[in-house]
Amino acid sequence: MRKFAALLALLLPLAGLAALWGWSNYRSRQGNDWTVPIAGYDPRDLLRGHYIEFTYDWPVNEEISEGLLNEFCIEGAPPAIERITRIEGGSGIGAGDACTYYARADDDSYYRYDGLRRGRLYIPQTRATDLENKLRDRNLQGYIRVRQREDGKITPLEITFEPITEEQRAARENRETGAIEPVTPIDAERGE
């Protein structure tokens, strides 16, 4: 009987640990995956390991770009984001009910309330040089695949690159120079 009790005392914590790992693994795979363009980076953090640090380049409209970006609605069908918009009716508990895809900053994450503007992704040391070179290449656009959980929290999963299009190149140059796209006068549109 003592051997059985000792064996049970050893196996019970292991079974609990396995159940906890299984539940955590299951929860981490829930949610919607989105592809978000990124800009800016810091390829290494020597004190904490190898990370890609980036800023999200969410497709925003002027209405939302001025304010605090700690929660919003995502419009589109995963993985393609059409745009993000403010939550109608304010924020707080239940704010995610106002839209189909709700995202909010995770106040427990590294960036806390700035977690929807900036992110970081751990990378293996073997990929650090390759990713650093790709991030510096002006002919490539970086994208981060993120998982948006049911509670709105965003988790970065992986980084990919695609050749930059002419439209993206023009938008990047306008942002960097602060140039504003020319506005066609109303009279010219009417043909007057």
Protein backbone atom coordinates (compact mmCIF):
# COMPACT_ATOMS: atom_id res chain seq x y z
CA MET A 1 0.00 0.00 0.00
CA ARG A 2 2.89 2.36 0.76
CA LYS A 3 4.43 1.77 -2.65
CA PHE A 4 1.12 2.56 -4.31
CA ALA A 5 0.74 5.78 -2.29
CA ALA A 6 4.31 6.82 -3.13
CA LEU A 7 3.74 6.10 -6.81
CA LEU A 8 0.48 8.05 -6.72
CA ALA A 9 2.21 10.97 -4.97
CA LEU A 10 4.79 11.03 -7.77
CA LEU A 11 2.35 10.63 -10.68
CA LEU A 12 -0.32 13.06 -9.50
CA PRO A 13 1.85 16.22 -9.88
CA LEU A 14 3.10 14.96 -13.25
CA ALA A 15 -0.47 14.42 -14.44
CA GLY A 16 -1.39 17.92 -13.25
CA LEU A 17 1.60 19.41 -15.06
CA ALA A 18 0.70 17.53 -18.26
CA ALA A 19 -2.92 18.74 -18.03
CA LEU A 20 -1.75 22.32 -17.47
CA TRP A 21 0.60 22.11 -20.47
CA GLY A 22 -2.17 20.62 -22.63
CA TRP A 23 -4.63 23.36 -21.68
CA SER A 24 -2.03 26.08 -22.29
CA ASN A 25 -1.15 24.57 -25.67
CA TYR A 26 -4.82 24.37 -26.64
CA ARG A 27 -5.49 28.02 -25.62
CA SER A 28 -2.42 29.28 -27.51
CA ARG A 29 -3.79 27.85 -30.76
CA GLN A 30 -7.21 29.53 -30.43
CA GLY A 31 -8.02 32.77 -32.21
CA ASN A 32 -7.62 34.38 -35.62
CA ASP A 33 -4.33 34.76 -37.46
CA TRP A 34 -3.70 38.11 -39.19
CA THR A 35 -0.86 39.37 -41.35
CA VAL A 36 0.26 42.88 -40.38
CA PRO A 37 2.91 44.98 -42.15
CA ILE A 38 5.73 46.13 -39.89
CA ALA A 39 8.20 49.00 -39.86
CA GLY A 40 11.22 49.78 -37.72
CA TYR A 41 13.22 47.28 -35.78
CA ASP A 42 15.99 46.54 -33.33
CA PRO A 43 17.42 43.11 -34.17
CA ARG A 44 19.15 42.37 -30.89
CA ASP A 45 18.69 42.91 -27.22
CA LEU A 46 21.95 41.69 -25.72
CA LEU A 47 20.57 41.51 -22.20
CA ARG A 48 17.49 39.45 -23.05
CA GLY A 49 18.48 37.35 -26.04
CA HIS A 50 17.71 37.71 -29.73
CA TYR A 51 14.55 39.60 -30.55
CA ILE A 52 13.17 41.39 -33.54
CA GLU A 53 11.59 44.58 -32.26
CA PHE A 54 9.20 46.29 -34.64
CA THR A 55 6.33 48.71 -34.95
CA TYR A 56 3.05 47.58 -36.39
CA ASP A 57 1.99 49.41 -39.55
CA TRP A 58 -1.78 48.93 -39.11
CA PRO A 59 -3.95 50.20 -41.98
CA VAL A 60 -5.51 53.12 -40.08
CA ASN A 61 -7.64 56.05 -41.04
CA GLU A 62 -7.02 59.59 -39.79
CA GLU A 63 -9.75 59.28 -37.16
CA ILE A 64 -7.87 56.60 -35.23
CA SER A 65 -4.27 57.58 -35.96
CA GLU A 66 -4.47 60.64 -33.70
CA GLY A 67 -5.55 58.94 -30.48
CA LEU A 68 -4.26 56.31 -28.11
CA LEU A 69 -3.99 52.99 -29.88
CA ASN A 70 -4.65 50.49 -27.09
CA GLU A 71 -7.80 48.86 -28.53
CA PHE A 72 -9.66 48.80 -31.83
CA CYS A 73 -11.82 46.79 -34.20
CA ILE A 74 -10.19 44.89 -37.07
CA GLU A 75 -12.14 44.89 -40.32
CA GLY A 76 -11.49 42.25 -42.95
CA ALA A 77 -11.35 38.47 -43.16
CA PRO A 78 -8.37 36.67 -41.62
CA PRO A 79 -5.55 36.88 -42.54
CA ALA A 80 -6.13 40.08 -44.59
CA ILE A 81 -6.79 43.28 -42.66
CA GLU A 82 -8.71 45.93 -44.58
CA ARG A 83 -8.44 48.57 -41.85
CA ILE A 84 -8.78 49.17 -38.15
CA THR A 85 -11.42 51.43 -36.61
CA ARG A 86 -12.31 52.88 -33.23
CA ILE A 87 -14.69 50.93 -31.06
CA GLU A 88 -18.17 52.44 -31.16
CA GLY A 89 -19.59 53.24 -27.76
CA GLY A 90 -16.29 53.63 -25.92
CA SER A 91 -14.01 51.14 -24.30
CA GLY A 92 -13.87 48.96 -21.24
CA ILE A 93 -15.47 45.67 -20.29
CA GLY A 94 -17.66 44.42 -23.11
CA ALA A 95 -16.13 46.78 -25.68
CA GLY A 96 -15.18 43.81 -27.81
CA ASP A 97 -18.88 43.07 -28.34
CA ALA A 98 -19.08 46.17 -30.55
CA CYS A 99 -17.11 44.54 -33.37
CA THR A 100 -16.46 41.12 -34.90
CA TYR A 101 -12.68 41.16 -34.44
CA TYR A 102 -11.55 43.01 -31.33
CA ALA A 103 -7.92 43.78 -30.47
CA ARG A 104 -6.59 45.25 -27.25
CA ALA A 105 -3.22 45.89 -25.72
CA ASP A 106 -2.11 43.31 -23.18
CA ASP A 107 -1.23 45.19 -20.00
CA ASP A 108 0.83 42.17 -18.87
CA SER A 109 3.04 42.17 -21.98
CA TYR A 110 6.49 43.70 -22.44
CA TYR A 111 5.11 46.92 -23.98
CA ARG A 112 1.96 47.07 -21.82
CA TYR A 113 -0.46 49.70 -23.18
CA ASP A 114 1.77 50.37 -26.20
CA GLY A 115 1.49 46.71 -27.25
CA LEU A 116 -0.58 47.45 -30.35
CA ARG A 117 1.98 49.94 -31.66
CA ARG A 118 5.15 47.99 -30.93
CA GLY A 119 5.98 44.33 -30.69
CA ARG A 120 8.84 41.91 -30.29
CA LEU A 121 9.39 38.41 -31.52
CA TYR A 122 11.98 36.02 -30.16
CA ILE A 123 14.12 34.53 -32.91
CA PRO A 124 16.79 31.82 -32.84
CA GLN A 125 20.35 33.09 -33.03
CA THR A 126 20.84 31.18 -36.30
CA ARG A 127 18.23 33.40 -38.04
CA ALA A 128 19.31 36.73 -36.54
CA THR A 129 21.76 37.78 -39.27
CA ASP A 130 19.44 36.75 -42.11
CA LEU A 131 16.47 38.63 -40.63
CA GLU A 132 18.60 41.68 -39.85
CA ASN A 133 19.71 41.85 -43.49
CA LYS A 134 16.15 41.42 -44.78
CA LEU A 135 14.85 44.16 -42.48
CA ARG A 136 17.48 46.56 -43.83
CA ASP A 137 16.67 45.72 -47.46
CA ARG A 138 14.58 48.63 -48.80
CA ASN A 139 13.18 46.35 -51.54
CA LEU A 140 11.44 44.04 -49.04
CA GLN A 141 8.37 44.60 -46.86
CA GLY A 142 8.27 42.77 -43.54
CA TYR A 143 5.04 41.22 -42.27
CA ILE A 144 4.31 39.75 -38.89
CA ARG A 145 1.73 37.01 -38.48
CA VAL A 146 -0.14 37.61 -35.24
CA ARG A 147 -2.81 35.66 -33.42
CA GLN A 148 -5.75 37.64 -32.07
CA ARG A 149 -7.30 35.71 -29.22
CA GLU A 150 -10.95 35.77 -28.19
CA ASP A 151 -10.15 38.26 -25.41
CA GLY A 152 -8.52 40.60 -27.98
CA LYS A 153 -4.88 40.07 -27.03
CA ILE A 154 -2.41 39.99 -29.93
CA THR A 155 0.51 37.54 -29.98
CA PRO A 156 3.27 37.80 -32.64
CA LEU A 157 4.00 34.39 -34.20
CA GLU A 158 6.36 34.69 -37.17
CA ILE A 159 7.94 37.19 -39.52
CA THR A 160 7.94 36.95 -43.32
CA PHE A 161 9.08 39.16 -46.19
CA GLU A 162 7.76 40.00 -49.66
CA PRO A 163 9.13 42.25 -52.41
CA ILE A 164 7.83 45.79 -52.03
CA THR A 165 5.28 47.05 -54.56
CA GLU A 166 5.45 50.46 -56.25
CA GLU A 167 2.41 51.60 -54.24
CA GLN A 168 4.13 50.62 -50.98
CA ARG A 169 7.35 52.33 -52.09
CA ALA A 170 5.47 55.59 -52.82
CA ALA A 171 3.63 55.45 -49.47
CA ARG A 172 6.91 54.82 -47.63
CA GLU A 173 8.60 57.76 -49.35
CA ASN A 174 5.64 60.03 -48.53
CA ARG A 175 5.82 59.01 -44.85
CA GLU A 176 9.58 59.51 -44.67
CA THR A 177 9.57 62.93 -46.34
CA GLY A 178 6.35 64.05 -44.68
CA ALA A 179 4.94 64.77 -48.11
CA ILE A 180 1.21 64.98 -48.46
CA GLU A 181 -0.44 63.64 -51.58
CA PRO A 182 -1.67 66.50 -53.79
CA VAL A 183 -5.36 67.24 -53.56
CA THR A 184 -7.24 67.83 -56.80
CA PRO A 185 -9.29 71.03 -56.62
CA ILE A 186 -13.05 70.53 -56.80
CA ASP A 187 -13.33 72.77 -59.88
CA ALA A 188 -10.79 70.61 -61.75
CA GLU A 189 -12.83 67.47 -60.99
CA ARG A 190 -15.96 69.07 -62.43
CA GLY A 191 -14.06 70.16 -65.53
CA GLU A 192 -14.50 73.89 -64.79
